[in-house]
């Protein structure tokens, strides 16, 4: 049990479980159009649509949270 003094101390909670960050995947187009292309979908030399999907698994290190919080600017 931890005692917290109201209006003097604050508490923040952090999720330290594994988390996933996934970039969007675009469906291949049958007819490439310059107006519907985006930064993640490009056409190859042969005219085929290429897409890129990236998934990153990350977890916050509980031993470093106090160091990070001490150096972040306060709102």
PDB file of N, CA and C in Angstrom:
ATOM      1  N   UNK A   1       0.836  -1.163   0.000  1.00  0.00           N
ATOM      2  CA  UNK A   1       0.000   0.000   0.000  1.00  0.00           C
ATOM      3  C   UNK A   1       0.889   1.236   0.000  1.00  0.00           C
ATOM      4  N   UNK A   2       0.493   2.206  -0.805  1.00  0.00           N
ATOM      5  CA  UNK A   2       1.231   3.458  -0.876  1.00  0.00           C
ATOM      6  C   UNK A   2       0.279   4.598  -0.526  1.00  0.00           C
ATOM      7  N   UNK A   3       0.720   5.493   0.287  1.00  0.00           N
ATOM      8  CA  UNK A   3      -0.089   6.657   0.628  1.00  0.00           C
ATOM      9  C   UNK A   3       0.287   7.807  -0.290  1.00  0.00           C
ATOM     10  N   UNK A   4      -0.731   8.467  -0.812  1.00  0.00           N
ATOM     11  CA  UNK A   4      -0.519   9.582  -1.729  1.00  0.00           C
ATOM     12  C   UNK A   4      -1.204  10.809  -1.154  1.00  0.00           C
ATOM     13  N   UNK A   5      -0.453  11.882  -1.094  1.00  0.00           N
ATOM     14  CA  UNK A   5      -0.993  13.132  -0.567  1.00  0.00           C
ATOM     15  C   UNK A   5      -1.734  13.846  -1.703  1.00  0.00           C
ATOM     16  N   UNK A   6      -3.027  14.092  -1.545  1.00  0.00           N
ATOM     17  CA  UNK A   6      -3.782  14.751  -2.612  1.00  0.00           C
ATOM     18  C   UNK A   6      -3.264  16.161  -2.889  1.00  0.00           C
ATOM     19  N   UNK A   7      -3.280  16.565  -4.132  1.00  0.00           N
ATOM     20  CA  UNK A   7      -2.851  17.881  -4.614  1.00  0.00           C
ATOM     21  C   UNK A   7      -1.357  18.141  -4.433  1.00  0.00           C
ATOM     22  N   UNK A   8      -0.618  17.183  -3.914  1.00  0.00           N
ATOM     23  CA  UNK A   8       0.834  17.333  -3.760  1.00  0.00           C
ATOM     24  C   UNK A   8       1.549  16.322  -4.632  1.00  0.00           C
ATOM     25  N   UNK A   9       1.102  15.088  -4.571  1.00  0.00           N
ATOM     26  CA  UNK A   9       1.697  14.017  -5.363  1.00  0.00           C
ATOM     27  C   UNK A   9       0.716  13.563  -6.433  1.00  0.00           C
ATOM     28  N   UNK A  10       1.253  13.023  -7.494  1.00  0.00           N
ATOM     29  CA  UNK A  10       0.392  12.495  -8.559  1.00  0.00           C
ATOM     30  C   UNK A  10       0.825  11.065  -8.889  1.00  0.00           C
ATOM     31  N   UNK A  11      -0.088  10.334  -9.479  1.00  0.00           N
ATOM     32  CA  UNK A  11       0.154   8.939  -9.825  1.00  0.00           C
ATOM     33  C   UNK A  11      -0.129   8.759 -11.308  1.00  0.00           C
ATOM     34  N   UNK A  12       0.755   8.041 -11.981  1.00  0.00           N
ATOM     35  CA  UNK A  12       0.541   7.692 -13.375  1.00  0.00           C
ATOM     36  C   UNK A  12       0.690   6.191 -13.514  1.00  0.00           C
ATOM     37  N   UNK A  13      -0.125   5.613 -14.353  1.00  0.00           N
ATOM     38  CA  UNK A  13      -0.034   4.178 -14.597  1.00  0.00           C
ATOM     39  C   UNK A  13       0.493   3.952 -16.013  1.00  0.00           C
ATOM     40  N   UNK A  14       1.304   2.925 -16.172  1.00  0.00           N
ATOM     41  CA  UNK A  14       1.886   2.567 -17.455  1.00  0.00           C
ATOM     42  C   UNK A  14       1.632   1.092 -17.706  1.00  0.00           C
ATOM     43  N   UNK A  15       1.307   0.757 -18.926  1.00  0.00           N
ATOM     44  CA  UNK A  15       1.100  -0.630 -19.314  1.00  0.00           C
ATOM     45  C   UNK A  15       2.454  -1.209 -19.699  1.00  0.00           C
ATOM     46  N   UNK A  16       2.960  -2.171 -18.933  1.00  0.00           N
ATOM     47  CA  UNK A  16       4.281  -2.747 -19.201  1.00  0.00           C
ATOM     48  C   UNK A  16       4.193  -4.093 -19.908  1.00  0.00           C
ATOM     49  N   UNK A  17       2.997  -4.452 -20.388  1.00  0.00           N
ATOM     50  CA  UNK A  17       2.865  -5.688 -21.152  1.00  0.00           C
ATOM     51  C   UNK A  17       3.339  -5.470 -22.581  1.00  0.00           C
ATOM     52  N   UNK A  18       3.559  -6.559 -23.309  1.00  0.00           N
ATOM     53  CA  UNK A  18       3.936  -6.458 -24.716  1.00  0.00           C
ATOM     54  C   UNK A  18       2.806  -5.807 -25.497  1.00  0.00           C
ATOM     55  N   UNK A  19       3.177  -4.898 -26.401  1.00  0.00           N
ATOM     56  CA  UNK A  19       2.199  -4.218 -27.240  1.00  0.00           C
ATOM     57  C   UNK A  19       2.662  -4.289 -28.680  1.00  0.00           C
ATOM     58  N   UNK A  20       1.726  -4.155 -29.610  1.00  0.00           N
ATOM     59  CA  UNK A  20       2.033  -4.199 -31.034  1.00  0.00           C
ATOM     60  C   UNK A  20       1.659  -2.877 -31.675  1.00  0.00           C
ATOM     61  N   UNK A  21       2.521  -2.393 -32.555  1.00  0.00           N
ATOM     62  CA  UNK A  21       2.232  -1.244 -33.403  1.00  0.00           C
ATOM     63  C   UNK A  21       2.288  -1.752 -34.829  1.00  0.00           C
ATOM     64  N   UNK A  22       1.168  -1.653 -35.557  1.00  0.00           N
ATOM     65  CA  UNK A  22       1.097  -2.165 -36.915  1.00  0.00           C
ATOM     66  C   UNK A  22       0.780  -1.025 -37.861  1.00  0.00           C
ATOM     67  N   UNK A  23       1.570  -0.939 -38.937  1.00  0.00           N
ATOM     68  CA  UNK A  23       1.271   0.053 -39.966  1.00  0.00           C
ATOM     69  C   UNK A  23       0.171  -0.506 -40.852  1.00  0.00           C
ATOM     70  N   UNK A  24      -0.539   0.379 -41.528  1.00  0.00           N
ATOM     71  CA  UNK A  24      -1.653  -0.036 -42.377  1.00  0.00           C
ATOM     72  C   UNK A  24      -1.180  -0.738 -43.632  1.00  0.00           C
ATOM     73  N   UNK A  25      -2.011  -1.643 -44.116  1.00  0.00           N
ATOM     74  CA  UNK A  25      -1.749  -2.367 -45.351  1.00  0.00           C
ATOM     75  C   UNK A  25      -2.841  -1.989 -46.328  1.00  0.00           C
ATOM     76  N   UNK A  26      -2.442  -1.660 -47.530  1.00  0.00           N
ATOM     77  CA  UNK A  26      -3.425  -1.306 -48.537  1.00  0.00           C
ATOM     78  C   UNK A  26      -3.655  -2.475 -49.463  1.00  0.00           C
ATOM     79  N   UNK A  27      -4.893  -2.664 -49.841  1.00  0.00           N
ATOM     80  CA  UNK A  27      -5.230  -3.746 -50.757  1.00  0.00           C
ATOM     81  C   UNK A  27      -4.688  -3.428 -52.152  1.00  0.00           C
ATOM     82  N   UNK A  28      -4.206  -4.449 -52.875  1.00  0.00           N
ATOM     83  CA  UNK A  28      -3.702  -4.185 -54.215  1.00  0.00           C
ATOM     84  C   UNK A  28      -4.820  -3.716 -55.135  1.00  0.00           C
ATOM     85  N   UNK A  29      -4.505  -2.778 -56.004  1.00  0.00           N
ATOM     86  CA  UNK A  29      -5.485  -2.231 -56.930  1.00  0.00           C
ATOM     87  C   UNK A  29      -5.362  -2.937 -58.269  1.00  0.00           C
ATOM     88  N   UNK A  30      -6.492  -3.132 -58.937  1.00  0.00           N
ATOM     89  CA  UNK A  30      -6.440  -3.775 -60.253  1.00  0.00           C
ATOM     90  C   UNK A  30      -5.984  -2.786 -61.314  1.00  0.00           C
ATOM     91  N   UNK A  31      -6.389  -1.530 -61.201  1.00  0.00           N
ATOM     92  CA  UNK A  31      -5.935  -0.498 -62.130  1.00  0.00           C
ATOM     93  C   UNK A  31      -5.298   0.616 -61.324  1.00  0.00           C
ATOM     94  N   UNK A  32      -3.999   0.794 -61.469  1.00  0.00           N
ATOM     95  CA  UNK A  32      -3.350   1.850 -60.691  1.00  0.00           C
ATOM     96  C   UNK A  32      -3.830   3.228 -61.119  1.00  0.00           C
ATOM     97  N   UNK A  33      -4.068   4.067 -60.160  1.00  0.00           N
ATOM     98  CA  UNK A  33      -4.534   5.422 -60.424  1.00  0.00           C
ATOM     99  C   UNK A  33      -3.695   6.385 -59.593  1.00  0.00           C
ATOM    100  N   UNK A  34      -3.214   7.482 -60.185  1.00  0.00           N
ATOM    101  CA  UNK A  34      -2.357   8.407 -59.424  1.00  0.00           C
ATOM    102  C   UNK A  34      -3.095   9.109 -58.295  1.00  0.00           C
ATOM    103  N   UNK A  35      -4.430   9.201 -58.373  1.00  0.00           N
ATOM    104  CA  UNK A  35      -5.165   9.906 -57.325  1.00  0.00           C
ATOM    105  C   UNK A  35      -5.396   9.025 -56.105  1.00  0.00           C
ATOM    106  N   UNK A  36      -5.350   7.695 -56.248  1.00  0.00           N
ATOM    107  CA  UNK A  36      -5.605   6.816 -55.122  1.00  0.00           C
ATOM    108  C   UNK A  36      -4.344   6.254 -54.505  1.00  0.00           C
ATOM    109  N   UNK A  37      -3.172   6.567 -55.057  1.00  0.00           N
ATOM    110  CA  UNK A  37      -1.939   6.053 -54.465  1.00  0.00           C
ATOM    111  C   UNK A  37      -1.609   6.839 -53.210  1.00  0.00           C
ATOM    112  N   UNK A  38      -0.949   6.187 -52.284  1.00  0.00           N
ATOM    113  CA  UNK A  38      -0.548   6.862 -51.052  1.00  0.00           C
ATOM    114  C   UNK A  38       0.932   6.633 -50.823  1.00  0.00           C
ATOM    115  N   UNK A  39       1.426   7.112 -49.695  1.00  0.00           N
ATOM    116  CA  UNK A  39       2.855   7.002 -49.418  1.00  0.00           C
ATOM    117  C   UNK A  39       3.276   5.569 -49.141  1.00  0.00           C
ATOM    118  N   UNK A  40       2.342   4.675 -48.786  1.00  0.00           N
ATOM    119  CA  UNK A  40       2.708   3.300 -48.481  1.00  0.00           C
ATOM    120  C   UNK A  40       2.535   2.369 -49.667  1.00  0.00           C
ATOM    121  N   UNK A  41       1.912   2.806 -50.735  1.00  0.00           N
ATOM    122  CA  UNK A  41       1.641   1.948 -51.875  1.00  0.00           C
ATOM    123  C   UNK A  41       2.275   2.572 -53.118  1.00  0.00           C
ATOM    124  N   UNK A  42       3.170   1.875 -53.742  1.00  0.00           N
ATOM    125  CA  UNK A  42       3.868   2.364 -54.930  1.00  0.00           C
ATOM    126  C   UNK A  42       3.775   1.330 -56.039  1.00  0.00           C
ATOM    127  N   UNK A  43       3.940   1.768 -57.256  1.00  0.00           N
ATOM    128  CA  UNK A  43       3.900   0.854 -58.393  1.00  0.00           C
ATOM    129  C   UNK A  43       5.328   0.499 -58.793  1.00  0.00           C
ATOM    130  N   UNK A  44       5.523  -0.762 -59.155  1.00  0.00           N
ATOM    131  CA  UNK A  44       6.827  -1.236 -59.610  1.00  0.00           C
ATOM    132  C   UNK A  44       6.976  -0.926 -61.093  1.00  0.00           C
ATOM    133  N   UNK A  45       8.146  -1.256 -61.659  1.00  0.00           N
ATOM    134  CA  UNK A  45       8.387  -1.024 -63.080  1.00  0.00           C
ATOM    135  C   UNK A  45       7.392  -1.775 -63.952  1.00  0.00           C
ATOM    136  N   UNK A  46       6.983  -2.958 -63.489  1.00  0.00           N
ATOM    137  CA  UNK A  46       6.083  -3.789 -64.273  1.00  0.00           C
ATOM    138  C   UNK A  46       4.628  -3.338 -64.158  1.00  0.00           C
ATOM    139  N   UNK A  47       4.333  -2.327 -63.335  1.00  0.00           N
ATOM    140  CA  UNK A  47       2.974  -1.847 -63.172  1.00  0.00           C
ATOM    141  C   UNK A  47       2.230  -2.487 -62.018  1.00  0.00           C
ATOM    142  N   UNK A  48       2.883  -3.378 -61.288  1.00  0.00           N
ATOM    143  CA  UNK A  48       2.248  -4.024 -60.143  1.00  0.00           C
ATOM    144  C   UNK A  48       2.256  -3.087 -58.948  1.00  0.00           C
ATOM    145  N   UNK A  49       1.227  -3.186 -58.134  1.00  0.00           N
ATOM    146  CA  UNK A  49       1.153  -2.358 -56.931  1.00  0.00           C
ATOM    147  C   UNK A  49       1.881  -3.053 -55.795  1.00  0.00           C
ATOM    148  N   UNK A  50       2.776  -2.320 -55.142  1.00  0.00           N
ATOM    149  CA  UNK A  50       3.532  -2.849 -54.016  1.00  0.00           C
ATOM    150  C   UNK A  50       3.026  -2.196 -52.736  1.00  0.00           C
ATOM    151  N   UNK A  51       2.948  -2.968 -51.673  1.00  0.00           N
ATOM    152  CA  UNK A  51       2.552  -2.438 -50.373  1.00  0.00           C
ATOM    153  C   UNK A  51       3.559  -2.856 -49.319  1.00  0.00           C
ATOM    154  N   UNK A  52       3.582  -2.152 -48.224  1.00  0.00           N
ATOM    155  CA  UNK A  52       4.518  -2.446 -47.149  1.00  0.00           C
ATOM    156  C   UNK A  52       3.759  -2.453 -45.827  1.00  0.00           C
ATOM    157  N   UNK A  53       3.917  -3.522 -45.080  1.00  0.00           N
ATOM    158  CA  UNK A  53       3.298  -3.617 -43.762  1.00  0.00           C
ATOM    159  C   UNK A  53       4.392  -3.905 -42.738  1.00  0.00           C
ATOM    160  N   UNK A  54       4.374  -3.148 -41.658  1.00  0.00           N
ATOM    161  CA  UNK A  54       5.385  -3.309 -40.613  1.00  0.00           C
ATOM    162  C   UNK A  54       4.678  -3.476 -39.274  1.00  0.00           C
ATOM    163  N   UNK A  55       5.104  -4.470 -38.517  1.00  0.00           N
ATOM    164  CA  UNK A  55       4.592  -4.677 -37.169  1.00  0.00           C
ATOM    165  C   UNK A  55       5.766  -4.661 -36.201  1.00  0.00           C
ATOM    166  N   UNK A  56       5.649  -3.851 -35.166  1.00  0.00           N
ATOM    167  CA  UNK A  56       6.701  -3.730 -34.159  1.00  0.00           C
ATOM    168  C   UNK A  56       6.121  -4.144 -32.811  1.00  0.00           C
ATOM    169  N   UNK A  57       6.790  -5.053 -32.144  1.00  0.00           N
ATOM    170  CA  UNK A  57       6.393  -5.461 -30.793  1.00  0.00           C
ATOM    171  C   UNK A  57       7.306  -4.720 -29.811  1.00  0.00           C
ATOM    172  N   UNK A  58       6.697  -4.042 -28.848  1.00  0.00           N
ATOM    173  CA  UNK A  58       7.496  -3.284 -27.887  1.00  0.00           C
ATOM    174  C   UNK A  58       6.918  -3.437 -26.485  1.00  0.00           C
ATOM    175  N   UNK A  59       7.734  -3.106 -25.508  1.00  0.00           N
ATOM    176  CA  UNK A  59       7.334  -3.150 -24.103  1.00  0.00           C
ATOM    177  C   UNK A  59       8.117  -2.082 -23.353  1.00  0.00           C
ATOM    178  N   UNK A  60       7.444  -1.366 -22.470  1.00  0.00           N
ATOM    179  CA  UNK A  60       8.124  -0.372 -21.645  1.00  0.00           C
ATOM    180  C   UNK A  60       8.933  -1.073 -20.564  1.00  0.00           C
ATOM    181  N   UNK A  61      10.134  -0.571 -20.337  1.00  0.00           N
ATOM    182  CA  UNK A  61      11.000  -1.140 -19.304  1.00  0.00           C
ATOM    183  C   UNK A  61      10.682  -0.473 -17.972  1.00  0.00           C
ATOM    184  N   UNK A  62      10.132  -1.210 -17.008  1.00  0.00           N
ATOM    185  CA  UNK A  62       9.750  -0.580 -15.737  1.00  0.00           C
ATOM    186  C   UNK A  62      10.926   0.012 -14.970  1.00  0.00           C
ATOM    187  N   UNK A  63      12.130  -0.481 -15.200  1.00  0.00           N
ATOM    188  CA  UNK A  63      13.298   0.054 -14.484  1.00  0.00           C
ATOM    189  C   UNK A  63      13.704   1.428 -15.003  1.00  0.00           C
ATOM    190  N   UNK A  64      13.292   1.772 -16.238  1.00  0.00           N
ATOM    191  CA  UNK A  64      13.686   3.044 -16.834  1.00  0.00           C
ATOM    192  C   UNK A  64      12.579   4.095 -16.799  1.00  0.00           C
ATOM    193  N   UNK A  65      11.388   3.740 -16.327  1.00  0.00           N
ATOM    194  CA  UNK A  65      10.274   4.688 -16.348  1.00  0.00           C
ATOM    195  C   UNK A  65      10.532   5.913 -15.479  1.00  0.00           C
ATOM    196  N   UNK A  66      11.132   5.743 -14.323  1.00  0.00           N
ATOM    197  CA  UNK A  66      11.406   6.907 -13.473  1.00  0.00           C
ATOM    198  C   UNK A  66      12.408   7.850 -14.136  1.00  0.00           C
ATOM    199  N   UNK A  67      13.397   7.310 -14.821  1.00  0.00           N
ATOM    200  CA  UNK A  67      14.383   8.127 -15.529  1.00  0.00           C
ATOM    201  C   UNK A  67      13.718   8.918 -16.652  1.00  0.00           C
ATOM    202  N   UNK A  68      12.858   8.259 -17.418  1.00  0.00           N
ATOM    203  CA  UNK A  68      12.189   8.913 -18.544  1.00  0.00           C
ATOM    204  C   UNK A  68      11.228   9.984 -18.039  1.00  0.00           C
ATOM    205  N   UNK A  69      10.431   9.676 -17.028  1.00  0.00           N
ATOM    206  CA  UNK A  69       9.467  10.629 -16.504  1.00  0.00           C
ATOM    207  C   UNK A  69      10.139  11.849 -15.879  1.00  0.00           C
ATOM    208  N   UNK A  70      11.284  11.672 -15.304  1.00  0.00           N
ATOM    209  CA  UNK A  70      11.985  12.800 -14.683  1.00  0.00           C
ATOM    210  C   UNK A  70      12.488  13.796 -15.714  1.00  0.00           C
ATOM    211  N   UNK A  71      12.725  13.342 -16.958  1.00  0.00           N
ATOM    212  CA  UNK A  71      13.285  14.214 -17.977  1.00  0.00           C
ATOM    213  C   UNK A  71      12.282  14.708 -19.007  1.00  0.00           C
ATOM    214  N   UNK A  72      11.027  14.246 -18.938  1.00  0.00           N
ATOM    215  CA  UNK A  72       9.999  14.738 -19.853  1.00  0.00           C
ATOM    216  C   UNK A  72       9.476  16.082 -19.368  1.00  0.00           C
ATOM    217  N   UNK A  73       9.139  16.969 -20.311  1.00  0.00           N
ATOM    218  CA  UNK A  73       8.569  18.250 -19.861  1.00  0.00           C
ATOM    219  C   UNK A  73       7.180  18.052 -19.270  1.00  0.00           C
ATOM    220  N   UNK A  74       6.865  18.797 -18.256  1.00  0.00           N
ATOM    221  CA  UNK A  74       5.571  18.717 -17.588  1.00  0.00           C
ATOM    222  C   UNK A  74       4.570  19.603 -18.338  1.00  0.00           C
ATOM    223  N   UNK A  75       3.324  19.151 -18.477  1.00  0.00           N
ATOM    224  CA  UNK A  75       2.321  19.978 -19.188  1.00  0.00           C
ATOM    225  C   UNK A  75       1.907  21.184 -18.373  1.00  0.00           C
TER     226      UNK A  75
END
